[in-house]
Amino acid sequence: MVVYQLSDADVDRLFQALADATRRDIVRRVTLAEYSVSGLAALYAMSFAAVQKHVAVLERASLVTKEKRGREQIVRGNHDGLAKARRLLDEYEAIWLQRADRIADILAEG
């Protein structure tokens, strides 16, 4: 299934990334302000490596970008990736609403 320009693999990566509460929290934070990976790691009760893996999952899903600045990796939200997620969910909502309208039409006929 291709929704907009997203392949099935892209959609899988997107939902896998958003399925985890820590990753959703990282997206929320880096959408508001950029953080270094070590700055993010200081916010969670997990190892630096674990936070780094969460950031890598988000980066593969195009929800964040990472830029090397000096000795730090700076993470920020990727507006284009977030917009793709929103359009995908909007499309699923439209499908759902069309089905609900058809059910309402069938019930009105009966």
PDB file of N, CA and C in Angstrom:
ATOM      1  N   MET A   1       0.843  -1.164   0.000  1.00  0.00           N
ATOM      2  CA  MET A   1       0.000   0.000   0.000  1.00  0.00           C
ATOM      3  C   MET A   1       0.897   1.239   0.000  1.00  0.00           C
ATOM      4  N   VAL A   2       0.644   2.137  -0.908  1.00  0.00           N
ATOM      5  CA  VAL A   2       1.400   3.393  -0.957  1.00  0.00           C
ATOM      6  C   VAL A   2       0.449   4.533  -0.632  1.00  0.00           C
ATOM      7  N   VAL A   3       0.756   5.258   0.396  1.00  0.00           N
ATOM      8  CA  VAL A   3      -0.019   6.421   0.782  1.00  0.00           C
ATOM      9  C   VAL A   3       0.875   7.620   0.521  1.00  0.00           C
ATOM     10  N   TYR A   4       0.373   8.537  -0.311  1.00  0.00           N
ATOM     11  CA  TYR A   4       1.176   9.652  -0.803  1.00  0.00           C
ATOM     12  C   TYR A   4       2.447   9.063  -1.421  1.00  0.00           C
ATOM     13  N   GLN A   5       3.590   9.542  -1.063  1.00  0.00           N
ATOM     14  CA  GLN A   5       4.815   9.006  -1.643  1.00  0.00           C
ATOM     15  C   GLN A   5       5.482   8.008  -0.702  1.00  0.00           C
ATOM     16  N   LEU A   6       4.782   7.519   0.272  1.00  0.00           N
ATOM     17  CA  LEU A   6       5.377   6.617   1.246  1.00  0.00           C
ATOM     18  C   LEU A   6       5.232   5.173   0.793  1.00  0.00           C
ATOM     19  N   SER A   7       6.326   4.435   0.855  1.00  0.00           N
ATOM     20  CA  SER A   7       6.270   3.002   0.562  1.00  0.00           C
ATOM     21  C   SER A   7       5.771   2.278   1.812  1.00  0.00           C
ATOM     22  N   ASP A   8       5.457   0.999   1.656  1.00  0.00           N
ATOM     23  CA  ASP A   8       5.062   0.207   2.825  1.00  0.00           C
ATOM     24  C   ASP A   8       6.155   0.237   3.884  1.00  0.00           C
ATOM     25  N   ALA A   9       7.408   0.164   3.448  1.00  0.00           N
ATOM     26  CA  ALA A   9       8.525   0.198   4.409  1.00  0.00           C
ATOM     27  C   ALA A   9       8.575   1.542   5.137  1.00  0.00           C
ATOM     28  N   ASP A  10       8.305   2.638   4.401  1.00  0.00           N
ATOM     29  CA  ASP A  10       8.284   3.965   5.037  1.00  0.00           C
ATOM     30  C   ASP A  10       7.173   4.043   6.094  1.00  0.00           C
ATOM     31  N   VAL A  11       6.004   3.543   5.735  1.00  0.00           N
ATOM     32  CA  VAL A  11       4.871   3.568   6.675  1.00  0.00           C
ATOM     33  C   VAL A  11       5.187   2.709   7.898  1.00  0.00           C
ATOM     34  N   ASP A  12       5.781   1.539   7.669  1.00  0.00           N
ATOM     35  CA  ASP A  12       6.171   0.673   8.797  1.00  0.00           C
ATOM     36  C   ASP A  12       7.160   1.389   9.714  1.00  0.00           C
ATOM     37  N   ARG A  13       8.155   2.043   9.127  1.00  0.00           N
ATOM     38  CA  ARG A  13       9.145   2.768   9.951  1.00  0.00           C
ATOM     39  C   ARG A  13       8.486   3.889  10.745  1.00  0.00           C
ATOM     40  N   LEU A  14       7.555   4.582  10.116  1.00  0.00           N
ATOM     41  CA  LEU A  14       6.872   5.702  10.763  1.00  0.00           C
ATOM     42  C   LEU A  14       6.065   5.226  11.973  1.00  0.00           C
ATOM     43  N   PHE A  15       5.252   4.194  11.771  1.00  0.00           N
ATOM     44  CA  PHE A  15       4.429   3.713  12.884  1.00  0.00           C
ATOM     45  C   PHE A  15       5.273   3.011  13.941  1.00  0.00           C
ATOM     46  N   GLN A  16       6.321   2.316  13.529  1.00  0.00           N
ATOM     47  CA  GLN A  16       7.214   1.704  14.521  1.00  0.00           C
ATOM     48  C   GLN A  16       7.834   2.794  15.397  1.00  0.00           C
ATOM     49  N   ALA A  17       8.243   3.873  14.778  1.00  0.00           N
ATOM     50  CA  ALA A  17       8.873   4.966  15.525  1.00  0.00           C
ATOM     51  C   ALA A  17       7.884   5.602  16.494  1.00  0.00           C
ATOM     52  N   LEU A  18       6.655   5.791  16.067  1.00  0.00           N
ATOM     53  CA  LEU A  18       5.670   6.466  16.909  1.00  0.00           C
ATOM     54  C   LEU A  18       5.002   5.533  17.908  1.00  0.00           C
ATOM     55  N   ALA A  19       5.268   4.245  17.823  1.00  0.00           N
ATOM     56  CA  ALA A  19       4.632   3.278  18.718  1.00  0.00           C
ATOM     57  C   ALA A  19       5.229   3.292  20.123  1.00  0.00           C
ATOM     58  N   ASP A  20       6.333   3.963  20.309  1.00  0.00           N
ATOM     59  CA  ASP A  20       7.027   3.950  21.592  1.00  0.00           C
ATOM     60  C   ASP A  20       6.866   5.304  22.296  1.00  0.00           C
ATOM     61  N   ALA A  21       6.497   5.277  23.572  1.00  0.00           N
ATOM     62  CA  ALA A  21       6.247   6.512  24.327  1.00  0.00           C
ATOM     63  C   ALA A  21       7.496   7.388  24.443  1.00  0.00           C
ATOM     64  N   THR A  22       8.649   6.775  24.635  1.00  0.00           N
ATOM     65  CA  THR A  22       9.884   7.569  24.740  1.00  0.00           C
ATOM     66  C   THR A  22      10.161   8.279  23.423  1.00  0.00           C
ATOM     67  N   ARG A  23       9.986   7.579  22.319  1.00  0.00           N
ATOM     68  CA  ARG A  23      10.238   8.207  21.022  1.00  0.00           C
ATOM     69  C   ARG A  23       9.246   9.333  20.740  1.00  0.00           C
ATOM     70  N   ARG A  24       7.971   9.131  21.119  1.00  0.00           N
ATOM     71  CA  ARG A  24       6.997  10.218  20.940  1.00  0.00           C
ATOM     72  C   ARG A  24       7.385  11.415  21.794  1.00  0.00           C
ATOM     73  N   ASP A  25       7.892  11.171  22.989  1.00  0.00           N
ATOM     74  CA  ASP A  25       8.317  12.269  23.860  1.00  0.00           C
ATOM     75  C   ASP A  25       9.533  12.987  23.262  1.00  0.00           C
ATOM     76  N   ILE A  26      10.464  12.229  22.703  1.00  0.00           N
ATOM     77  CA  ILE A  26      11.623  12.857  22.055  1.00  0.00           C
ATOM     78  C   ILE A  26      11.160  13.726  20.893  1.00  0.00           C
ATOM     79  N   VAL A  27      10.235  13.225  20.083  1.00  0.00           N
ATOM     80  CA  VAL A  27       9.717  14.026  18.959  1.00  0.00           C
ATOM     81  C   VAL A  27       9.099  15.317  19.479  1.00  0.00           C
ATOM     82  N   ARG A  28       8.298  15.212  20.541  1.00  0.00           N
ATOM     83  CA  ARG A  28       7.660  16.404  21.112  1.00  0.00           C
ATOM     84  C   ARG A  28       8.725  17.407  21.550  1.00  0.00           C
ATOM     85  N   ARG A  29       9.725  16.936  22.258  1.00  0.00           N
ATOM     86  CA  ARG A  29      10.767  17.840  22.767  1.00  0.00           C
ATOM     87  C   ARG A  29      11.559  18.502  21.643  1.00  0.00           C
ATOM     88  N   VAL A  30      11.991  17.709  20.661  1.00  0.00           N
ATOM     89  CA  VAL A  30      12.847  18.289  19.613  1.00  0.00           C
ATOM     90  C   VAL A  30      12.051  19.096  18.593  1.00  0.00           C
ATOM     91  N   THR A  31      10.736  18.990  18.635  1.00  0.00           N
ATOM     92  CA  THR A  31       9.910  19.862  17.815  1.00  0.00           C
ATOM     93  C   THR A  31       9.860  21.261  18.427  1.00  0.00           C
ATOM     94  N   LEU A  32       9.948  21.312  19.748  1.00  0.00           N
ATOM     95  CA  LEU A  32       9.921  22.601  20.450  1.00  0.00           C
ATOM     96  C   LEU A  32      11.290  23.279  20.469  1.00  0.00           C
ATOM     97  N   ALA A  33      12.351  22.492  20.562  1.00  0.00           N
ATOM     98  CA  ALA A  33      13.716  23.038  20.623  1.00  0.00           C
ATOM     99  C   ALA A  33      14.691  21.933  20.258  1.00  0.00           C
ATOM    100  N   GLU A  34      15.845  22.335  19.729  1.00  0.00           N
ATOM    101  CA  GLU A  34      16.837  21.312  19.407  1.00  0.00           C
ATOM    102  C   GLU A  34      17.556  20.881  20.688  1.00  0.00           C
ATOM    103  N   TYR A  35      17.954  19.615  20.690  1.00  0.00           N
ATOM    104  CA  TYR A  35      18.647  19.022  21.827  1.00  0.00           C
ATOM    105  C   TYR A  35      19.853  18.257  21.304  1.00  0.00           C
ATOM    106  N   SER A  36      20.881  18.182  22.104  1.00  0.00           N
ATOM    107  CA  SER A  36      21.955  17.241  21.808  1.00  0.00           C
ATOM    108  C   SER A  36      21.484  15.860  22.261  1.00  0.00           C
ATOM    109  N   VAL A  37      22.075  14.818  21.708  1.00  0.00           N
ATOM    110  CA  VAL A  37      21.705  13.464  22.138  1.00  0.00           C
ATOM    111  C   VAL A  37      22.025  13.296  23.619  1.00  0.00           C
ATOM    112  N   SER A  38      23.144  13.852  24.067  1.00  0.00           N
ATOM    113  CA  SER A  38      23.481  13.737  25.492  1.00  0.00           C
ATOM    114  C   SER A  38      22.498  14.540  26.343  1.00  0.00           C
ATOM    115  N   GLY A  39      22.014  15.674  25.832  1.00  0.00           N
ATOM    116  CA  GLY A  39      20.997  16.444  26.550  1.00  0.00           C
ATOM    117  C   GLY A  39      19.699  15.662  26.673  1.00  0.00           C
ATOM    118  N   LEU A  40      19.330  14.948  25.606  1.00  0.00           N
ATOM    119  CA  LEU A  40      18.136  14.094  25.674  1.00  0.00           C
ATOM    120  C   LEU A  40      18.355  12.957  26.661  1.00  0.00           C
ATOM    121  N   ALA A  41      19.547  12.365  26.617  1.00  0.00           N
ATOM    122  CA  ALA A  41      19.833  11.227  27.496  1.00  0.00           C
ATOM    123  C   ALA A  41      19.707  11.617  28.963  1.00  0.00           C
ATOM    124  N   ALA A  42      20.006  12.871  29.286  1.00  0.00           N
ATOM    125  CA  ALA A  42      19.911  13.332  30.669  1.00  0.00           C
ATOM    126  C   ALA A  42      18.456  13.399  31.148  1.00  0.00           C
ATOM    127  N   LEU A  43      17.505  13.385  30.214  1.00  0.00           N
ATOM    128  CA  LEU A  43      16.088  13.524  30.566  1.00  0.00           C
ATOM    129  C   LEU A  43      15.396  12.192  30.844  1.00  0.00           C
ATOM    130  N   TYR A  44      16.042  11.098  30.507  1.00  0.00           N
ATOM    131  CA  TYR A  44      15.386   9.790  30.617  1.00  0.00           C
ATOM    132  C   TYR A  44      16.178   8.854  31.520  1.00  0.00           C
ATOM    133  N   ALA A  45      15.455   7.981  32.182  1.00  0.00           N
ATOM    134  CA  ALA A  45      16.090   6.996  33.070  1.00  0.00           C
ATOM    135  C   ALA A  45      16.524   5.786  32.255  1.00  0.00           C
ATOM    136  N   MET A  46      17.413   6.033  31.317  1.00  0.00           N
ATOM    137  CA  MET A  46      17.963   4.958  30.502  1.00  0.00           C
ATOM    138  C   MET A  46      19.352   5.393  30.053  1.00  0.00           C
ATOM    139  N   SER A  47      20.075   4.467  29.485  1.00  0.00           N
ATOM    140  CA  SER A  47      21.453   4.755  29.108  1.00  0.00           C
ATOM    141  C   SER A  47      21.509   5.698  27.894  1.00  0.00           C
ATOM    142  N   PHE A  48      22.659   6.333  27.738  1.00  0.00           N
ATOM    143  CA  PHE A  48      22.899   7.172  26.558  1.00  0.00           C
ATOM    144  C   PHE A  48      22.705   6.351  25.287  1.00  0.00           C
ATOM    145  N   ALA A  49      23.225   5.135  25.293  1.00  0.00           N
ATOM    146  CA  ALA A  49      23.115   4.269  24.110  1.00  0.00           C
ATOM    147  C   ALA A  49      21.657   3.972  23.765  1.00  0.00           C
ATOM    148  N   ALA A  50      20.826   3.783  24.795  1.00  0.00           N
ATOM    149  CA  ALA A  50      19.404   3.509  24.543  1.00  0.00           C
ATOM    150  C   ALA A  50      18.728   4.725  23.911  1.00  0.00           C
ATOM    151  N   VAL A  51      19.039   5.910  24.418  1.00  0.00           N
ATOM    152  CA  VAL A  51      18.464   7.134  23.835  1.00  0.00           C
ATOM    153  C   VAL A  51      18.974   7.311  22.411  1.00  0.00           C
ATOM    154  N   GLN A  52      20.241   7.020  22.211  1.00  0.00           N
ATOM    155  CA  GLN A  52      20.828   7.122  20.870  1.00  0.00           C
ATOM    156  C   GLN A  52      20.095   6.181  19.896  1.00  0.00           C
ATOM    157  N   LYS A  53      19.728   4.991  20.356  1.00  0.00           N
ATOM    158  CA  LYS A  53      18.991   4.055  19.500  1.00  0.00           C
ATOM    159  C   LYS A  53      17.595   4.582  19.188  1.00  0.00           C
ATOM    160  N   HIS A  54      16.943   5.197  20.188  1.00  0.00           N
ATOM    161  CA  HIS A  54      15.622   5.795  19.937  1.00  0.00           C
ATOM    162  C   HIS A  54      15.738   6.897  18.883  1.00  0.00           C
ATOM    163  N   VAL A  55      16.751   7.734  19.005  1.00  0.00           N
ATOM    164  CA  VAL A  55      16.949   8.818  18.042  1.00  0.00           C
ATOM    165  C   VAL A  55      17.212   8.234  16.648  1.00  0.00           C
ATOM    166  N   ALA A  56      17.964   7.160  16.573  1.00  0.00           N
ATOM    167  CA  ALA A  56      18.247   6.529  15.274  1.00  0.00           C
ATOM    168  C   ALA A  56      16.957   6.011  14.635  1.00  0.00           C
ATOM    169  N   VAL A  57      16.068   5.418  15.431  1.00  0.00           N
ATOM    170  CA  VAL A  57      14.783   4.935  14.905  1.00  0.00           C
ATOM    171  C   VAL A  57      13.975   6.115  14.360  1.00  0.00           C
ATOM    172  N   LEU A  58      13.957   7.214  15.111  1.00  0.00           N
ATOM    173  CA  LEU A  58      13.217   8.404  14.672  1.00  0.00           C
ATOM    174  C   LEU A  58      13.838   9.012  13.414  1.00  0.00           C
ATOM    175  N   GLU A  59      15.148   8.974  13.339  1.00  0.00           N
ATOM    176  CA  GLU A  59      15.839   9.519  12.168  1.00  0.00           C
ATOM    177  C   GLU A  59      15.527   8.664  10.932  1.00  0.00           C
ATOM    178  N   ARG A  60      15.528   7.339  11.076  1.00  0.00           N
ATOM    179  CA  ARG A  60      15.196   6.454   9.944  1.00  0.00           C
ATOM    180  C   ARG A  60      13.765   6.687   9.468  1.00  0.00           C
ATOM    181  N   ALA A  61      12.883   7.076  10.392  1.00  0.00           N
ATOM    182  CA  ALA A  61      11.486   7.343  10.032  1.00  0.00           C
ATOM    183  C   ALA A  61      11.298   8.774   9.532  1.00  0.00           C
ATOM    184  N   SER A  62      12.375   9.537   9.439  1.00  0.00           N
ATOM    185  CA  SER A  62      12.347  10.935   8.976  1.00  0.00           C
ATOM    186  C   SER A  62      11.561  11.858   9.900  1.00  0.00           C
ATOM    187  N   LEU A  63      11.436  11.485  11.160  1.00  0.00           N
ATOM    188  CA  LEU A  63      10.712  12.339  12.105  1.00  0.00           C
ATOM    189  C   LEU A  63      11.634  13.343  12.780  1.00  0.00           C
ATOM    190  N   VAL A  64      12.936  13.049  12.797  1.00  0.00           N
ATOM    191  CA  VAL A  64      13.929  13.986  13.340  1.00  0.00           C
ATOM    192  C   VAL A  64      15.119  14.009  12.386  1.00  0.00           C
ATOM    193  N   THR A  65      15.907  15.060  12.516  1.00  0.00           N
ATOM    194  CA  THR A  65      17.188  15.113  11.814  1.00  0.00           C
ATOM    195  C   THR A  65      18.272  15.246  12.862  1.00  0.00           C
ATOM    196  N   LYS A  66      19.451  14.795  12.500  1.00  0.00           N
ATOM    197  CA  LYS A  66      20.587  14.849  13.420  1.00  0.00           C
ATOM    198  C   LYS A  66      21.734  15.504  12.673  1.00  0.00           C
ATOM    199  N   GLU A  67      22.387  16.436  13.335  1.00  0.00           N
ATOM    200  CA  GLU A  67      23.500  17.174  12.728  1.00  0.00           C
ATOM    201  C   GLU A  67      24.664  17.177  13.709  1.00  0.00           C
ATOM    202  N   LYS A  68      25.845  16.895  13.191  1.00  0.00           N
ATOM    203  CA  LYS A  68      27.034  16.925  14.031  1.00  0.00           C
ATOM    204  C   LYS A  68      27.459  18.377  14.193  1.00  0.00           C
ATOM    205  N   ARG A  69      27.581  18.818  15.430  1.00  0.00           N
ATOM    206  CA  ARG A  69      28.023  20.174  15.730  1.00  0.00           C
ATOM    207  C   ARG A  69      29.115  20.063  16.790  1.00  0.00           C
ATOM    208  N   GLY A  70      30.339  20.222  16.335  1.00  0.00           N
ATOM    209  CA  GLY A  70      31.462  20.024  17.260  1.00  0.00           C
ATOM    210  C   GLY A  70      31.504  18.578  17.685  1.00  0.00           C
ATOM    211  N   ARG A  71      31.514  18.349  18.970  1.00  0.00           N
ATOM    212  CA  ARG A  71      31.540  16.977  19.487  1.00  0.00           C
ATOM    213  C   ARG A  71      30.153  16.425  19.753  1.00  0.00           C
ATOM    214  N   GLU A  72      29.129  17.234  19.492  1.00  0.00           N
ATOM    215  CA  GLU A  72      27.772  16.808  19.819  1.00  0.00           C
ATOM    216  C   GLU A  72      26.957  16.503  18.559  1.00  0.00           C
ATOM    217  N   GLN A  73      25.964  15.653  18.743  1.00  0.00           N
ATOM    218  CA  GLN A  73      24.976  15.354  17.714  1.00  0.00           C
ATOM    219  C   GLN A  73      23.715  16.118  18.110  1.00  0.00           C
ATOM    220  N   ILE A  74      23.305  17.084  17.283  1.00  0.00           N
ATOM    221  CA  ILE A  74      22.135  17.902  17.588  1.00  0.00           C
ATOM    222  C   ILE A  74      20.922  17.317  16.876  1.00  0.00           C
ATOM    223  N   VAL A  75      19.848  17.125  17.650  1.00  0.00           N
ATOM    224  CA  VAL A  75      18.616  16.520  17.132  1.00  0.00           C
ATOM    225  C   VAL A  75      17.537  17.598  17.076  1.00  0.00           C
ATOM    226  N   ARG A  76      16.826  17.628  15.963  1.00  0.00           N
ATOM    227  CA  ARG A  76      15.693  18.558  15.853  1.00  0.00           C
ATOM    228  C   ARG A  76      14.569  17.864  15.100  1.00  0.00           C
ATOM    229  N   GLY A  77      13.363  18.350  15.303  1.00  0.00           N
ATOM    230  CA  GLY A  77      12.214  17.785  14.620  1.00  0.00           C
ATOM    231  C   GLY A  77      12.291  18.047  13.130  1.00  0.00           C
ATOM    232  N   ASN A  78      11.794  17.114  12.350  1.00  0.00           N
ATOM    233  CA  ASN A  78      11.774  17.255  10.896  1.00  0.00           C
ATOM    234  C   ASN A  78      10.332  17.539  10.476  1.00  0.00           C
ATOM    235  N   HIS A  79      10.064  18.795  10.140  1.00  0.00           N
ATOM    236  CA  HIS A  79       8.709  19.200   9.787  1.00  0.00           C
ATOM    237  C   HIS A  79       8.156  18.369   8.625  1.00  0.00           C
ATOM    238  N   ASP A  80       8.968  18.093   7.623  1.00  0.00           N
ATOM    239  CA  ASP A  80       8.488  17.318   6.466  1.00  0.00           C
ATOM    240  C   ASP A  80       8.062  15.906   6.887  1.00  0.00           C
ATOM    241  N   GLY A  81       8.836  15.287   7.763  1.00  0.00           N
ATOM    242  CA  GLY A  81       8.489  13.949   8.240  1.00  0.00           C
ATOM    243  C   GLY A  81       7.209  13.957   9.049  1.00  0.00           C
ATOM    244  N   LEU A  82       7.071  14.966   9.900  1.00  0.00           N
ATOM    245  CA  LEU A  82       5.854  15.084  10.696  1.00  0.00           C
ATOM    246  C   LEU A  82       4.645  15.365   9.807  1.00  0.00           C
ATOM    247  N   ALA A  83       4.840  16.164   8.759  1.00  0.00           N
ATOM    248  CA  ALA A  83       3.742  16.450   7.831  1.00  0.00           C
ATOM    249  C   ALA A  83       3.307  15.179   7.100  1.00  0.00           C
ATOM    250  N   LYS A  84       4.272  14.327   6.733  1.00  0.00           N
ATOM    251  CA  LYS A  84       3.923  13.054   6.092  1.00  0.00           C
ATOM    252  C   LYS A  84       3.084  12.197   7.026  1.00  0.00           C
ATOM    253  N   ALA A  85       3.455  12.158   8.302  1.00  0.00           N
ATOM    254  CA  ALA A  85       2.684  11.383   9.284  1.00  0.00           C
ATOM    255  C   ALA A  85       1.273  11.939   9.403  1.00  0.00           C
ATOM    256  N   ARG A  86       1.146  13.273   9.439  1.00  0.00           N
ATOM    257  CA  ARG A  86      -0.171  13.891   9.550  1.00  0.00           C
ATOM    258  C   ARG A  86      -1.016  13.564   8.316  1.00  0.00           C
ATOM    259  N   ARG A  87      -0.433  13.671   7.112  1.00  0.00           N
ATOM    260  CA  ARG A  87      -1.193  13.381   5.886  1.00  0.00           C
ATOM    261  C   ARG A  87      -1.624  11.921   5.855  1.00  0.00           C
ATOM    262  N   LEU A  88      -0.754  11.042   6.299  1.00  0.00           N
ATOM    263  CA  LEU A  88      -1.091   9.621   6.338  1.00  0.00           C
ATOM    264  C   LEU A  88      -2.284   9.382   7.257  1.00  0.00           C
ATOM    265  N   LEU A  89      -2.241   9.963   8.466  1.00  0.00           N
ATOM    266  CA  LEU A  89      -3.348   9.784   9.403  1.00  0.00           C
ATOM    267  C   LEU A  89      -4.621  10.461   8.888  1.00  0.00           C
ATOM    268  N   ASP A  90      -4.478  11.609   8.208  1.00  0.00           N
ATOM    269  CA  ASP A  90      -5.647  12.270   7.603  1.00  0.00           C
ATOM    270  C   ASP A  90      -6.294  11.367   6.556  1.00  0.00           C
ATOM    271  N   GLU A  91      -5.451  10.682   5.762  1.00  0.00           N
ATOM    272  CA  GLU A  91      -5.996   9.786   4.747  1.00  0.00           C
ATOM    273  C   GLU A  91      -6.743   8.613   5.393  1.00  0.00           C
ATOM    274  N   TYR A  92      -6.170   8.050   6.442  1.00  0.00           N
ATOM    275  CA  TYR A  92      -6.859   6.956   7.141  1.00  0.00           C
ATOM    276  C   TYR A  92      -8.178   7.442   7.747  1.00  0.00           C
ATOM    277  N   GLU A  93      -8.180   8.654   8.284  1.00  0.00           N
ATOM    278  CA  GLU A  93      -9.409   9.211   8.851  1.00  0.00           C
ATOM    279  C   GLU A  93     -10.461   9.389   7.752  1.00  0.00           C
ATOM    280  N   ALA A  94     -10.040   9.867   6.574  1.00  0.00           N
ATOM    281  CA  ALA A  94     -10.988  10.049   5.463  1.00  0.00           C
ATOM    282  C   ALA A  94     -11.600   8.716   5.055  1.00  0.00           C
ATOM    283  N   ILE A  95     -10.782   7.664   5.012  1.00  0.00           N
ATOM    284  CA  ILE A  95     -11.312   6.323   4.688  1.00  0.00           C
ATOM    285  C   ILE A  95     -12.348   5.914   5.722  1.00  0.00           C
ATOM    286  N   TRP A  96     -12.033   6.135   6.986  1.00  0.00           N
ATOM    287  CA  TRP A  96     -12.951   5.770   8.076  1.00  0.00           C
ATOM    288  C   TRP A  96     -14.260   6.558   7.959  1.00  0.00           C
ATOM    289  N   LEU A  97     -14.151   7.852   7.706  1.00  0.00           N
ATOM    290  CA  LEU A  97     -15.355   8.682   7.607  1.00  0.00           C
ATOM    291  C   LEU A  97     -16.212   8.273   6.409  1.00  0.00           C
ATOM    292  N   GLN A  98     -15.591   7.893   5.280  1.00  0.00           N
ATOM    293  CA  GLN A  98     -16.353   7.420   4.125  1.00  0.00           C
ATOM    294  C   GLN A  98     -17.120   6.151   4.484  1.00  0.00           C
ATOM    295  N   ARG A  99     -16.472   5.255   5.202  1.00  0.00           N
ATOM    296  CA  ARG A  99     -17.159   4.015   5.624  1.00  0.00           C
ATOM    297  C   ARG A  99     -18.324   4.324   6.552  1.00  0.00           C
ATOM    298  N   ALA A 100     -18.102   5.233   7.477  1.00  0.00           N
ATOM    299  CA  ALA A 100     -19.175   5.604   8.406  1.00  0.00           C
ATOM    300  C   ALA A 100     -20.341   6.221   7.648  1.00  0.00           C
ATOM    301  N   ASP A 101     -20.051   7.048   6.627  1.00  0.00           N
ATOM    302  CA  ASP A 101     -21.116   7.647   5.813  1.00  0.00           C
ATOM    303  C   ASP A 101     -21.888   6.566   5.055  1.00  0.00           C
ATOM    304  N   ARG A 102     -21.188   5.573   4.506  1.00  0.00           N
ATOM    305  CA  ARG A 102     -21.878   4.486   3.783  1.00  0.00           C
ATOM    306  C   ARG A 102     -22.768   3.693   4.725  1.00  0.00           C
ATOM    307  N   ILE A 103     -22.295   3.438   5.930  1.00  0.00           N
ATOM    308  CA  ILE A 103     -23.117   2.721   6.916  1.00  0.00           C
ATOM    309  C   ILE A 103     -24.356   3.548   7.257  1.00  0.00           C
ATOM    310  N   ALA A 104     -24.174   4.854   7.432  1.00  0.00           N
ATOM    311  CA  ALA A 104     -25.309   5.727   7.732  1.00  0.00           C
ATOM    312  C   ALA A 104     -26.312   5.717   6.590  1.00  0.00           C
ATOM    313  N   ASP A 105     -25.820   5.706   5.332  1.00  0.00           N
ATOM    314  CA  ASP A 105     -26.714   5.652   4.167  1.00  0.00           C
ATOM    315  C   ASP A 105     -27.500   4.344   4.145  1.00  0.00           C
ATOM    316  N   ILE A 106     -26.830   3.244   4.411  1.00  0.00           N
ATOM    317  CA  ILE A 106     -27.494   1.931   4.428  1.00  0.00           C
ATOM    318  C   ILE A 106     -28.562   1.896   5.512  1.00  0.00           C
ATOM    319  N   LEU A 107     -28.235   2.417   6.679  1.00  0.00           N
ATOM    320  CA  LEU A 107     -29.208   2.428   7.779  1.00  0.00           C
ATOM    321  C   LEU A 107     -30.398   3.336   7.450  1.00  0.00           C
ATOM    322  N   ALA A 108     -30.153   4.440   6.741  1.00  0.00           N
ATOM    323  CA  ALA A 108     -31.231   5.361   6.378  1.00  0.00           C
ATOM    324  C   ALA A 108     -32.178   4.734   5.357  1.00  0.00           C
ATOM    325  N   GLU A 109     -31.642   3.842   4.496  1.00  0.00           N
ATOM    326  CA  GLU A 109     -32.475   3.169   3.491  1.00  0.00           C
ATOM    327  C   GLU A 109     -33.372   2.119   4.127  1.00  0.00           C
ATOM    328  N   GLY A 110     -32.872   1.488   5.190  1.00  0.00           N
ATOM    329  CA  GLY A 110     -33.585   0.369   5.795  1.00  0.00           C
ATOM    330  C   GLY A 110     -34.733   0.799   6.603  1.00  0.00           C
TER     331      GLY A 110
END
